[in-house]
């Protein structure tokens, strides 16, 4: 799961929450959620990255968008995409 604060929209962006499975590490999901301090909302962007573990996310203030980088796919292969 990757988290970043979107200062333009004043909300927290979360990508790739985990689906728990029998006490194990779980399965990553390719979902995007935002938190405005009151409500969680699932977002449905037109382009969404594949599900992954261990990615990083930062907010690009110049472009006013969250940027996700890397992580591992479900078979632990590194993903070097942005």
Foldseek 3Di string as FASTA:
>chain_A
DEWEAQPVLQKIKDAFDFDDDDPDPGATQGWIWIGNPDDIDTDDDPDTDGHFPDWYWYADNVVSGIDIAWHAHPVRHIDGDD
